[in-house]
Amino acid sequence: VAPYSRRKTIRRDIAPGVWAFDQMIGIYYVHVPIRMTVVRRDVRPSARGVLDVDDRPGLLVYAPVAPTQECLDLLQPLIDAYGPVRTIILPSVAVEHKVNAGPFARTFPRADFYAVDQQYSFPVPLPSRFLGLPSWTKPLPRSSEGLDLWGGEFEHEVLTVKPGPGSFFQDVALYHKASRTVLLCDALLAVTDEPPPIL
């Protein structure tokens, strides 16, 4: 997947405690921006049974991008300041997001890794582990309503559409209450007169 070894990452502040990490992704001559969002947690989520002496709340990663050295170097100051990556969410079934999620999750094996529940492959349906997702992948519930999944910090809803046989479209609307930020993956697109800086 392009841009191969030239994958640049740009980090910028979105809101207090919320950062965007932009990269490019493409096949052949079509390259588009792709974004990961990192949110500072205020409540430490329960660990996956892994001993961790760092009691800071840490970070939530939404829609991970390729874990290049530059990306990890830009993420490290946030880890140093706020604690480790505790939660990773794959909010899409689209290959451009799925291809980066497994490698990113394996970079942070102590983090909880959630994926929307209708992952698929074409033309043959394969299990998630064959799609590059780690063995500790958990299905993200379709709604946070009535669950204490996020310790009161977030709410989420999963949009699911079945466009045709054998495929699904899913996107997660994740609302971070403290910053009043809504995270969406592909359900909303904004086009401005100026191209994104990553391009």
Protein backbone atom coordinates (compact mmCIF):
# COMPACT_ATOMS: atom_id res chain seq x y z
CA VAL A 1 0.00 0.00 0.00
CA ALA A 2 1.46 3.34 -1.06
CA PRO A 3 3.36 5.47 -0.18
CA TYR A 4 5.56 2.51 0.76
CA SER A 5 8.76 3.62 2.56
CA ARG A 6 7.96 7.35 2.24
CA ARG A 7 4.99 7.40 4.62
CA LYS A 8 5.12 10.75 6.41
CA THR A 9 3.16 11.47 9.60
CA ILE A 10 1.95 14.89 10.73
CA ARG A 11 0.65 15.40 14.28
CA ARG A 12 -1.53 18.34 15.26
CA ASP A 13 -3.70 19.40 18.19
CA ILE A 14 -7.46 19.10 17.63
CA ALA A 15 -8.81 20.01 21.08
CA PRO A 16 -7.43 19.89 24.64
CA GLY A 17 -6.19 16.32 25.06
CA VAL A 18 -7.02 15.32 21.46
CA TRP A 19 -4.45 14.93 18.65
CA ALA A 20 -4.70 14.00 14.96
CA PHE A 21 -2.00 11.96 13.23
CA ASP A 22 -2.29 12.27 9.44
CA GLN A 23 -0.66 10.00 6.87
CA MET A 24 -1.28 9.20 3.22
CA ILE A 25 -2.46 5.87 1.91
CA GLY A 26 -3.09 4.74 -1.62
CA ILE A 27 -2.92 2.18 -4.35
CA TYR A 28 -1.06 3.00 -7.56
CA TYR A 29 -1.64 6.70 -8.32
CA VAL A 30 -4.60 7.39 -6.02
CA HIS A 31 -3.39 8.68 -2.65
CA VAL A 32 -5.71 10.02 0.02
CA PRO A 33 -5.24 11.27 3.59
CA ILE A 34 -5.93 8.88 6.43
CA ARG A 35 -6.19 9.97 10.06
CA MET A 36 -5.66 8.46 13.48
CA THR A 37 -6.97 10.33 16.52
CA VAL A 38 -5.43 10.01 19.97
CA VAL A 39 -7.35 11.05 23.09
CA ARG A 40 -5.94 11.51 26.59
CA ARG A 41 -7.89 9.40 29.06
CA ASP A 42 -8.93 10.72 32.48
CA VAL A 43 -10.01 7.33 33.82
CA ARG A 44 -7.76 4.31 33.67
CA PRO A 45 -9.54 1.40 31.94
CA SER A 46 -9.31 -2.03 33.49
CA ALA A 47 -6.29 -3.99 32.28
CA ARG A 48 -6.52 -7.17 30.20
CA GLY A 49 -5.03 -9.20 33.03
CA VAL A 50 -1.56 -7.87 32.24
CA LEU A 51 0.53 -6.56 35.13
CA ASP A 52 1.18 -2.87 34.58
CA VAL A 53 2.80 -0.67 37.22
CA ASP A 54 1.94 2.55 35.36
CA ASP A 55 -1.27 3.76 37.00
CA ARG A 56 -1.80 6.79 34.71
CA PRO A 57 -5.01 6.70 32.63
CA GLY A 58 -3.11 6.68 29.34
CA LEU A 59 -4.33 7.12 25.80
CA LEU A 60 -7.12 5.93 23.51
CA VAL A 61 -6.28 5.50 19.81
CA TYR A 62 -9.10 5.71 17.25
CA ALA A 63 -8.53 4.44 13.67
CA PRO A 64 -4.82 3.57 13.90
CA VAL A 65 -2.47 4.45 11.05
CA ALA A 66 0.75 2.71 10.07
CA PRO A 67 3.07 2.47 13.11
CA THR A 68 6.08 3.90 11.31
CA GLN A 69 9.05 5.08 13.34
CA GLU A 70 8.07 8.71 12.68
CA CYS A 71 4.50 8.02 13.88
CA LEU A 72 5.75 6.28 17.03
CA ASP A 73 8.25 9.10 17.67
CA LEU A 74 5.39 11.63 17.48
CA LEU A 75 3.27 9.47 19.81
CA GLN A 76 6.03 8.96 22.40
CA PRO A 77 5.82 12.45 24.01
CA LEU A 78 2.11 11.85 24.63
CA ILE A 79 2.87 8.46 26.19
CA ASP A 80 5.56 10.07 28.34
CA ALA A 81 3.16 12.79 29.49
CA TYR A 82 -0.11 10.88 29.91
CA GLY A 83 0.69 7.16 30.10
CA PRO A 84 0.64 4.18 27.76
CA VAL A 85 -1.73 3.40 24.92
CA ARG A 86 -4.53 1.62 26.79
CA THR A 87 -7.25 1.29 24.14
CA ILE A 88 -7.20 0.98 20.34
CA ILE A 89 -10.37 1.08 18.23
CA LEU A 90 -10.67 -0.07 14.61
CA PRO A 91 -13.89 1.77 13.66
CA SER A 92 -14.19 0.46 10.10
CA VAL A 93 -14.28 -2.67 7.95
CA ALA A 94 -12.53 -0.87 5.07
CA VAL A 95 -9.21 -2.36 3.99
CA GLU A 96 -7.39 0.98 4.17
CA HIS A 97 -8.06 1.06 7.93
CA LYS A 98 -7.81 -2.68 8.57
CA VAL A 99 -4.37 -2.97 6.95
CA ASN A 100 -2.84 -0.64 9.58
CA ALA A 101 -4.80 -1.76 12.63
CA GLY A 102 -3.14 -5.14 13.18
CA PRO A 103 0.44 -3.87 13.02
CA PHE A 104 -0.44 -0.92 15.26
CA ALA A 105 -2.15 -3.15 17.84
CA ARG A 106 0.82 -5.54 17.88
CA THR A 107 3.06 -2.54 18.61
CA PHE A 108 1.03 -2.01 21.82
CA PRO A 109 0.14 -5.57 22.92
CA ARG A 110 -0.99 -4.49 26.41
CA ALA A 111 -3.72 -2.26 25.00
CA ASP A 112 -7.31 -3.41 24.64
CA PHE A 113 -8.04 -3.71 20.92
CA TYR A 114 -11.63 -3.33 19.72
CA ALA A 115 -12.87 -3.78 16.15
CA VAL A 116 -16.33 -3.32 14.66
CA ASP A 117 -18.04 -6.68 14.42
CA GLN A 118 -18.68 -7.12 10.68
CA GLN A 119 -15.10 -7.54 9.43
CA TYR A 120 -15.11 -9.40 6.13
CA SER A 121 -12.86 -10.43 3.28
CA PHE A 122 -13.57 -10.94 -0.40
CA PRO A 123 -13.99 -13.24 -2.29
CA VAL A 124 -13.58 -15.79 0.52
CA PRO A 125 -14.73 -15.03 4.09
CA LEU A 126 -11.75 -15.39 6.41
CA PRO A 127 -11.50 -15.21 10.20
CA SER A 128 -10.22 -11.93 11.67
CA ARG A 129 -6.83 -13.41 12.56
CA PHE A 130 -6.30 -14.10 8.81
CA LEU A 131 -7.03 -10.41 8.15
CA GLY A 132 -4.03 -9.39 10.23
CA LEU A 133 -5.93 -8.59 13.43
CA PRO A 134 -4.34 -9.84 16.67
CA SER A 135 -5.72 -12.76 18.66
CA TRP A 136 -6.85 -10.45 21.50
CA THR A 137 -9.23 -8.47 19.24
CA LYS A 138 -12.59 -7.85 20.92
CA PRO A 139 -15.80 -6.98 19.06
CA LEU A 140 -16.87 -3.43 19.83
CA PRO A 141 -20.46 -3.43 21.16
CA ARG A 142 -22.86 -1.68 18.77
CA SER A 143 -23.64 0.94 21.43
CA SER A 144 -22.20 2.08 24.73
CA GLU A 145 -25.69 2.74 26.08
CA GLY A 146 -26.18 0.84 29.32
CA LEU A 147 -22.54 -0.30 29.42
CA ASP A 148 -19.69 0.96 31.57
CA LEU A 149 -17.22 0.39 28.76
CA TRP A 150 -15.53 3.80 28.86
CA GLY A 151 -15.74 4.79 32.53
CA GLY A 152 -18.11 7.64 31.68
CA GLU A 153 -15.55 9.42 29.45
CA PHE A 154 -16.99 8.43 26.07
CA GLU A 155 -20.20 7.36 24.39
CA HIS A 156 -20.31 5.51 21.10
CA GLU A 157 -22.70 4.19 18.47
CA VAL A 158 -21.84 1.94 15.53
CA LEU A 159 -23.43 2.72 12.16
CA THR A 160 -23.94 -0.47 10.16
CA VAL A 161 -25.11 -0.59 6.55
CA LYS A 162 -25.21 -3.66 4.31
CA PRO A 163 -24.58 -2.31 0.79
CA GLY A 164 -24.60 -5.70 -0.93
CA PRO A 165 -24.06 -9.44 -0.58
CA GLY A 166 -21.05 -10.40 1.52
CA SER A 167 -20.08 -6.87 2.55
CA PHE A 168 -20.82 -4.31 5.23
CA PHE A 169 -20.06 -0.66 5.93
CA GLN A 170 -19.46 0.22 9.55
CA ASP A 171 -18.34 3.42 11.24
CA VAL A 172 -18.09 4.33 14.91
CA ALA A 173 -19.23 7.69 16.22
CA LEU A 174 -17.21 8.13 19.41
CA TYR A 175 -18.02 11.15 21.59
CA HIS A 176 -15.35 12.36 24.03
CA LYS A 177 -17.29 14.24 26.68
CA ALA A 178 -14.45 16.26 28.24
CA SER A 179 -13.37 17.91 24.96
CA ARG A 180 -16.83 17.75 23.33
CA THR A 181 -15.19 16.07 20.34
CA VAL A 182 -16.97 13.63 18.02
CA LEU A 183 -14.73 11.17 16.20
CA LEU A 184 -15.91 9.64 12.92
CA CYS A 185 -13.96 7.53 10.48
CA ASP A 186 -15.56 7.59 7.00
CA ALA A 187 -19.19 8.62 7.54
CA LEU A 188 -18.37 12.32 7.25
CA LEU A 189 -16.10 14.01 4.74
CA ALA A 190 -15.04 17.65 4.67
CA VAL A 191 -13.53 19.19 1.55
CA THR A 192 -11.93 22.62 1.70
CA ASP A 193 -10.31 24.90 -0.88
CA GLU A 194 -6.88 23.99 0.50
CA PRO A 195 -5.55 20.42 0.33
CA PRO A 196 -4.69 18.77 3.65
CA PRO A 197 -1.10 19.46 4.75
CA ILE A 198 -0.19 15.77 4.54
CA LEU A 199 -0.72 15.92 0.77
